[in-house]
Protein backbone atom coordinates (compact mmCIF):
# COMPACT_ATOMS: atom_id res chain seq x y z
CA UNK A 1 97.42 85.75 81.50
CA UNK A 2 99.84 83.13 80.69
CA UNK A 3 103.68 83.71 80.11
CA UNK A 4 104.85 81.45 77.50
CA UNK A 5 107.96 79.37 78.54
CA UNK A 6 109.39 80.51 75.20
CA UNK A 7 109.88 84.07 76.90
CA UNK A 8 112.62 83.05 78.62
CA UNK A 9 115.36 84.54 76.69
CA UNK A 10 113.47 87.69 76.50
CA UNK A 11 113.32 87.62 80.42
CA UNK A 12 116.85 86.71 80.30
CA UNK A 13 117.80 89.89 78.32
CA UNK A 14 115.73 92.19 80.37
CA UNK A 15 117.42 90.85 83.60
CA UNK A 16 120.75 91.93 82.35
CA UNK A 17 119.19 95.48 81.78
CA UNK A 18 117.91 95.46 85.30
CA UNK A 19 121.37 94.48 86.59
CA UNK A 20 122.97 97.44 84.79
CA UNK A 21 120.53 100.08 85.53
CA UNK A 22 119.39 99.30 89.17
CA UNK A 23 115.84 99.04 90.92
CA UNK A 24 116.24 102.90 90.91
CA UNK A 25 116.33 103.60 87.44
CA UNK A 26 113.69 101.60 86.21
CA UNK A 27 110.93 103.81 85.52
CA UNK A 28 110.51 104.59 82.22
CA UNK A 29 112.47 101.46 80.57
CA UNK A 30 110.97 99.25 78.21
CA UNK A 31 110.79 95.68 79.87
CA UNK A 32 108.18 93.98 78.12
CA UNK A 33 108.87 90.45 79.02
CA UNK A 34 108.84 91.47 82.89
CA UNK A 35 106.02 93.13 82.62
CA UNK A 36 104.01 90.54 80.92
CA UNK A 37 105.25 88.21 83.84
CA UNK A 38 104.14 90.49 86.55
CA UNK A 39 100.91 91.09 84.68
CA UNK A 40 100.52 87.41 84.25
CA UNK A 41 100.88 87.02 88.19
CA UNK A 42 98.82 89.69 89.14
CA UNK A 43 94.96 89.93 89.80
CA UNK A 44 95.14 93.89 89.76
CA UNK A 45 96.56 96.62 87.38
CA UNK A 46 95.81 99.16 90.16
CA UNK A 47 99.57 99.04 91.09
CA UNK A 48 102.19 101.86 90.75
CA UNK A 49 104.67 101.37 87.80
CA UNK A 50 107.44 99.54 88.64
CA UNK A 51 106.19 97.95 91.89
CA UNK A 52 105.05 94.79 90.50
CA UNK A 53 108.46 94.09 88.46
CA UNK A 54 110.36 94.55 91.55
CA UNK A 55 108.25 92.41 93.49
CA UNK A 56 108.13 89.58 90.83
CA UNK A 57 112.09 89.66 90.87
CA UNK A 58 111.95 89.25 94.93
CA UNK A 59 109.84 86.51 94.49
CA UNK A 60 111.82 84.89 92.03
CA UNK A 61 115.00 85.18 94.05
CA UNK A 62 113.48 83.87 97.02
CA UNK A 63 112.59 80.58 95.60
CA UNK A 64 116.44 79.86 94.76
CA UNK A 65 117.99 77.92 97.09
CA UNK A 66 119.37 79.77 100.40
CA UNK A 67 123.09 80.44 100.68
CA UNK A 68 125.59 81.65 97.72
CA UNK A 69 123.20 81.47 94.52
CA UNK A 70 120.19 83.59 96.46
CA UNK A 71 122.62 86.23 98.07
CA UNK A 72 124.67 86.68 94.82
CA UNK A 73 121.22 87.14 92.77
CA UNK A 74 120.54 89.66 95.58
CA UNK A 75 123.29 91.44 95.08
CA UNK A 76 123.50 91.22 91.42
CA UNK A 77 119.93 93.09 90.69
CA UNK A 78 120.30 95.16 93.57
CA UNK A 79 117.62 93.36 95.92
CA UNK A 80 120.05 93.07 98.98
CA UNK A 81 118.93 95.66 101.57
CA UNK A 82 121.19 99.08 100.71
CA UNK A 83 121.95 98.01 97.61
CA UNK A 84 119.09 99.20 95.35
CA UNK A 85 121.30 102.57 94.34
CA UNK A 86 124.66 100.95 94.19
CA UNK A 87 126.64 101.23 90.72
CA UNK A 88 126.56 98.06 88.77
CA UNK A 89 130.24 97.37 89.18
CA UNK A 90 129.98 97.54 92.85
CA UNK A 91 127.14 95.08 92.84
CA UNK A 92 128.90 92.73 90.27
CA UNK A 93 131.91 93.21 92.76
CA UNK A 94 130.19 91.80 95.93
CA UNK A 95 128.26 89.10 94.10
CA UNK A 96 131.75 87.89 92.65
CA UNK A 97 133.22 87.93 96.15
CA UNK A 98 130.69 85.50 97.25
CA UNK A 99 131.87 82.80 94.98
CA UNK A 100 135.46 83.96 95.77
CA UNK A 101 136.13 84.38 91.93
CA UNK A 102 137.40 87.56 89.88
CA UNK A 103 135.10 89.94 88.56
CA UNK A 104 135.55 88.98 84.97
CA UNK A 105 135.29 85.20 85.69
CA UNK A 106 131.95 86.07 87.71
CA UNK A 107 130.87 87.96 84.71
CA UNK A 108 131.56 85.84 81.99
CA UNK A 109 130.25 82.48 84.37
CA UNK A 110 128.85 82.67 87.65
CA UNK A 111 126.43 85.70 86.52
CA UNK A 112 124.88 84.29 83.89
CA UNK A 113 123.97 81.21 85.46
CA UNK A 114 122.32 83.33 88.28
CA UNK A 115 120.10 85.27 86.24
CA UNK A 116 119.33 82.06 84.28
CA UNK A 117 117.97 80.79 87.34
CA UNK A 118 116.05 84.04 88.41
CA UNK A 119 114.53 83.86 84.56
CA UNK A 120 113.44 80.29 85.12
CA UNK A 121 111.66 80.98 88.28
CA UNK A 122 110.01 84.08 86.91
CA UNK A 123 108.82 81.75 84.14
CA UNK A 124 107.40 79.23 86.84
CA UNK A 125 105.69 81.96 89.09
CA UNK A 126 103.90 83.36 85.98
CA UNK A 127 102.68 79.85 84.96
CA UNK A 128 101.60 79.16 88.51
CA UNK A 129 99.62 82.22 88.50
CA UNK A 130 97.82 81.58 85.09
CA UNK A 131 97.15 77.98 86.79
CA UNK A 132 94.91 79.75 89.41
CA UNK A 133 91.26 80.33 89.02
CA UNK A 134 89.67 83.57 88.74
CA UNK A 135 88.19 82.41 92.40
CA UNK A 136 91.54 82.11 94.10
CA UNK A 137 92.66 85.54 92.76
CA UNK A 138 89.76 87.38 94.51
CA UNK A 139 90.23 85.23 97.55
CA UNK A 140 93.79 86.51 97.71
CA UNK A 141 92.43 90.18 98.07
CA UNK A 142 93.25 90.89 94.17
CA UNK A 143 96.91 90.94 95.08
CA UNK A 144 99.69 88.94 93.62
CA UNK A 145 99.16 85.77 93.26
CA UNK A 146 101.87 83.50 94.55
CA UNK A 147 103.82 86.68 95.09
CA UNK A 148 105.26 88.99 97.90
CA UNK A 149 101.80 90.05 99.26
CA UNK A 150 99.57 90.59 102.23
CA UNK A 151 96.58 88.14 103.23
CA UNK A 152 94.36 87.94 106.13
CA UNK A 153 93.32 84.99 108.39
CA UNK A 154 90.55 85.06 110.84
CA UNK A 155 90.41 83.03 113.71
CA UNK A 156 88.33 82.73 117.26
CA UNK A 157 90.13 82.74 120.17
CA UNK A 158 87.82 82.66 123.41
CA UNK A 159 85.12 83.51 121.29
CA UNK A 160 86.29 86.82 120.15
CA UNK A 161 87.47 87.29 116.03
CA UNK A 162 91.21 88.10 115.81
CA UNK A 163 92.79 88.72 112.60
CA UNK A 164 96.28 87.27 111.27
CA UNK A 165 98.23 89.03 108.82
CA UNK A 166 100.32 86.90 106.50
CA UNK A 167 103.33 88.40 104.63
CA UNK A 168 104.61 86.38 101.80
CA UNK A 169 108.14 87.94 101.30
CA UNK A 170 111.55 88.44 102.55
CA UNK A 171 111.54 89.52 106.17
CA UNK A 172 113.67 92.76 105.44
CA UNK A 173 110.80 93.98 103.44
CA UNK A 174 108.54 94.48 106.69
CA UNK A 175 107.19 97.62 107.10
CA UNK A 176 105.29 99.17 110.15
CA UNK A 177 105.50 96.45 112.35
CA UNK A 178 106.72 97.62 115.89
CA UNK A 179 108.60 93.99 116.92
CA UNK A 180 110.24 91.38 114.54
CA UNK A 181 110.89 87.80 116.22
CA UNK A 182 114.29 86.69 115.12
CA UNK A 183 115.21 83.25 115.53
CA UNK A 184 118.71 82.61 117.22
CA UNK A 185 121.39 80.32 118.88
CA UNK A 186 121.47 80.05 122.49
CA UNK A 187 124.86 81.96 122.58
CA UNK A 188 123.06 84.93 120.62
CA UNK A 189 126.16 84.71 117.79
CA UNK A 190 124.59 86.28 114.75
CA UNK A 191 125.53 84.93 111.30
CA UNK A 192 127.41 86.81 109.13
CA UNK A 193 125.37 89.48 107.23
CA UNK A 194 126.20 87.89 103.84
CA UNK A 195 124.21 84.76 104.62
CA UNK A 196 120.68 84.13 103.67
CA UNK A 197 118.93 83.10 107.07
CA UNK A 198 116.22 85.26 108.66
CA UNK A 199 118.67 86.50 111.07
CA UNK A 200 121.49 87.33 108.60
CA UNK A 201 118.84 89.27 106.69
CA UNK A 202 117.80 91.51 109.62
CA UNK A 203 121.56 92.13 110.23
CA UNK A 204 121.97 93.28 106.77
CA UNK A 205 119.00 95.33 107.09
CA UNK A 206 119.56 96.95 109.96
CA UNK A 207 123.17 97.75 109.23
CA UNK A 208 123.99 101.52 107.92
CA UNK A 209 125.74 101.71 104.68
CA UNK A 210 127.43 104.45 102.90
CA UNK A 211 126.72 105.44 99.51
CA UNK A 212 129.40 102.85 98.13
CA UNK A 213 127.93 99.95 100.18
CA UNK A 214 130.65 100.26 102.83
CA UNK A 215 128.91 99.09 106.45
CA UNK A 216 128.93 102.49 108.58
CA UNK A 217 127.42 100.79 111.23
CA UNK A 218 126.16 97.38 112.12
CA UNK A 219 124.23 97.64 115.29
CA UNK A 220 122.55 94.18 116.48
CA UNK A 221 125.95 92.32 117.37
CA UNK A 222 127.12 94.88 119.81
CA UNK A 223 123.48 95.34 121.24
CA UNK A 224 123.35 91.60 121.65
CA UNK A 225 127.10 91.90 123.48
CA UNK A 226 126.02 94.53 125.87
CA UNK A 227 122.56 92.42 126.64
CA UNK A 228 124.96 89.52 127.63
CA UNK A 229 127.12 91.46 129.69
CA UNK A 230 124.10 93.02 131.43
CA UNK A 231 122.56 89.75 132.38
CA UNK A 232 125.73 88.07 133.10
CA UNK A 233 125.85 85.52 130.01
CA UNK A 234 128.86 86.75 128.16
CA UNK A 235 130.74 83.57 126.64
CA UNK A 236 128.00 81.19 127.49
CA UNK A 237 124.73 79.59 126.39
CA UNK A 238 121.62 80.78 127.65
CA UNK A 239 118.56 78.41 128.15
CA UNK A 240 116.62 77.87 125.12
CA UNK A 241 113.61 79.91 124.94
CA UNK A 242 115.62 82.94 126.14
CA UNK A 243 114.69 86.22 124.31
CA UNK A 244 116.84 89.33 123.84
CA UNK A 245 115.54 92.40 122.98
CA UNK A 246 117.28 95.05 120.83
CA UNK A 247 116.95 98.03 118.89
CA UNK A 248 116.29 97.66 115.06
CA UNK A 249 119.11 100.04 113.52
CA UNK A 250 118.07 100.96 110.18
CA UNK A 251 114.80 99.11 110.16
CA UNK A 252 113.35 102.01 111.91
CA UNK A 253 113.03 103.68 108.72
CA UNK A 254 110.28 101.06 107.75
CA UNK A 255 108.65 101.68 110.92
CA UNK A 256 110.26 98.46 112.65
CA UNK A 257 111.10 99.48 116.11
CA UNK A 258 112.54 96.17 118.15
CA UNK A 259 113.80 93.01 117.30
CA UNK A 260 113.56 90.06 119.43
CA UNK A 261 116.13 87.57 119.23
CA UNK A 262 114.65 84.28 120.32
CA UNK A 263 117.48 81.53 121.64
CA UNK A 264 115.76 78.30 119.94
CA UNK A 265 118.83 76.63 118.04
CA UNK A 266 121.11 74.62 120.20
CA UNK A 267 124.56 73.88 117.97
CA UNK A 268 125.34 70.10 117.79
CA UNK A 269 128.92 69.73 118.95
CA UNK A 270 131.48 69.22 116.03
CA UNK A 271 129.23 69.95 113.27
CA UNK A 272 127.62 73.14 111.50
CA UNK A 273 124.27 72.01 112.56
CA UNK A 274 121.55 72.83 115.27
CA UNK A 275 118.73 71.19 117.17
CA UNK A 276 116.01 72.88 117.69
CA UNK A 277 113.04 71.32 119.95
CA UNK A 278 109.32 72.25 119.60
CA UNK A 279 109.11 72.96 122.95
CA UNK A 280 111.61 75.48 123.02
CA UNK A 281 110.13 77.44 120.27
CA UNK A 282 106.74 77.57 122.44
CA UNK A 283 108.53 78.94 125.30
CA UNK A 284 110.44 81.30 123.07
CA UNK A 285 107.48 82.59 121.51
CA UNK A 286 106.00 83.09 124.93
CA UNK A 287 108.66 84.97 126.67
CA UNK A 288 108.43 87.30 123.43
CA UNK A 289 104.97 88.44 124.23
CA UNK A 290 105.92 88.84 127.68
CA UNK A 291 108.77 90.86 126.86
CA UNK A 292 106.48 92.69 124.16
CA UNK A 293 103.90 93.49 127.42
CA UNK A 294 107.04 94.57 129.54
CA UNK A 295 107.97 97.15 126.52
CA UNK A 296 104.61 98.17 125.59
CA UNK A 297 104.26 101.61 127.22
CA UNK A 298 108.04 102.28 127.32
CA UNK A 299 107.63 103.62 123.61
CA UNK A 300 105.72 106.22 122.04
CA UNK A 301 103.10 104.94 120.57
CA UNK A 302 103.13 101.88 122.71
CA UNK A 303 104.13 98.84 120.64
CA UNK A 304 101.28 96.84 119.34
CA UNK A 305 102.26 94.71 116.56
CA UNK A 306 104.69 91.52 116.28
CA UNK A 307 105.74 89.40 113.32
CA UNK A 308 107.11 85.85 113.90
CA UNK A 309 108.48 83.97 111.16
CA UNK A 310 108.05 80.24 111.13
CA UNK A 311 110.99 79.82 113.88
CA UNK A 312 112.88 76.80 113.09
CA UNK A 313 111.73 75.69 110.13
CA UNK A 314 115.24 76.60 108.20
CA UNK A 315 118.36 74.91 109.50
CA UNK A 316 116.73 73.65 112.64
CA UNK A 317 114.72 71.01 110.51
CA UNK A 318 111.01 71.87 111.81
CA UNK A 319 108.28 71.01 109.19
CA UNK A 320 105.97 73.97 108.55
CA UNK A 321 103.48 72.56 110.22
CA UNK A 322 105.47 71.51 113.28
CA UNK A 323 106.73 75.10 113.68
CA UNK A 324 103.46 76.86 113.25
CA UNK A 325 102.00 74.34 115.60
CA UNK A 326 104.83 75.20 118.23
CA UNK A 327 104.68 79.27 117.73
CA UNK A 328 100.69 79.37 117.64
CA UNK A 329 100.36 77.41 120.96
CA UNK A 330 101.97 80.36 122.73
CA UNK A 331 100.16 83.31 120.55
CA UNK A 332 96.87 81.56 121.00
CA UNK A 333 97.12 81.53 124.94
CA UNK A 334 98.26 85.30 124.74
CA UNK A 335 95.42 85.91 122.44
CA UNK A 336 92.62 83.99 124.39
CA UNK A 337 94.01 85.95 127.64
CA UNK A 338 92.44 89.22 125.96
CA UNK A 339 95.86 90.46 124.64
CA UNK A 340 95.37 93.58 122.27
CA UNK A 341 98.81 92.71 120.16
CA UNK A 342 98.36 92.45 116.19
CA UNK A 343 99.77 89.36 115.29
CA UNK A 344 101.62 88.95 111.98
CA UNK A 345 103.44 85.96 110.36
CA UNK A 346 106.16 86.39 107.60
CA UNK A 347 107.18 83.43 105.30
CA UNK A 348 108.96 83.25 101.97
CA UNK A 349 107.00 80.95 99.96
CA UNK A 350 103.08 80.01 98.96
CA UNK A 351 103.50 76.56 100.43
CA UNK A 352 104.52 77.77 103.92
CA UNK A 353 101.58 80.92 103.64
CA UNK A 354 99.37 77.98 103.18
CA UNK A 355 100.17 76.09 106.12
CA UNK A 356 99.50 79.53 108.13
CA UNK A 357 96.26 80.06 106.29
CA UNK A 358 94.93 76.53 107.94
CA UNK A 359 95.52 78.00 111.10
CA UNK A 360 91.11 78.28 111.49
CA UNK A 361 90.67 74.70 110.46
CA UNK A 362 93.52 73.46 112.86
CA UNK A 363 96.89 72.41 112.58
CA UNK A 364 97.94 69.18 111.26
CA UNK A 365 101.72 68.33 111.79
CA UNK A 366 103.34 66.34 108.74
CA UNK A 367 105.98 64.70 110.21
CA UNK A 368 107.04 63.07 106.95
CA UNK A 369 107.67 66.37 105.22
CA UNK A 370 110.71 68.45 105.52
CA UNK A 371 110.58 72.42 104.91
CA UNK A 372 112.04 73.51 101.44
CA UNK A 373 113.21 76.93 102.62
């Protein structure tokens, strides 16, 4: 089912209703344009009411430019971790603070722009799904075409089949994966929670919030400081490829038990940029798998599953194919030795998912292409 671009106005109207109501109050509300968009992008109607709309919103927002625009959209619609039950006024105030403007100014200006951008991406998502043939939908396992979904890829290592799971959604939506590997700089200095990187998203998701959104506990920075103190690295850089293991804070409620912070980004002096070398990514992944083996039996039940983003493909500047080749070199070596780990990848775009899904055919780095997210 294709969604006419003329439905943009109706989508914008309904997005304003979502903003007012919040995600927890959507059930039973008439949102025909959003429902049509979700239906246009789904290959199966056997999903709980309300779920396709939320996934549609999350994936449309994930297509926005990383930074203030995407973060403001997440707060405006209650998609940011811990905000789905916030009052509309609290969400609007937090989004306004990102732009450094008054709530009233934000309501009249930036909020209109933010919701308009989300509506445009919903139209494009529905159009992309409408262009996919029935065979593609079936191959995707009957899930949401181009939206947040879970796909499996079978590869062979050392003559045995191994199934990889590919998650196409923001990292803070992961559930029931024991370990998430998070990219970090060599100082293990976490970004501010309001930023849009993977490390910032995990910091935000691991924090405990009060009923009005105030942060009651922000555990990851403290755990990383204590790790540095134990290992005598406080205030100085570690060797690229070093991995610091911490708890997962509030993410434990989603079945995530550990976060492995992988030091791959080396700050460039006098700038806000980083350098990431593919060899350091491979070294970090190898070390993360070694730490997983060390910690495996210390938990009950034992740790078994680990999830990797395409490390270094954000501000690190590595093309998706180069990042994947660097990650896969260490993963494949471990699996070839018979390691029992369940391996997952998490990406935010269908383009990145397509790169991961080419693992069985071999990875061909495209050195002339830069990542889009």
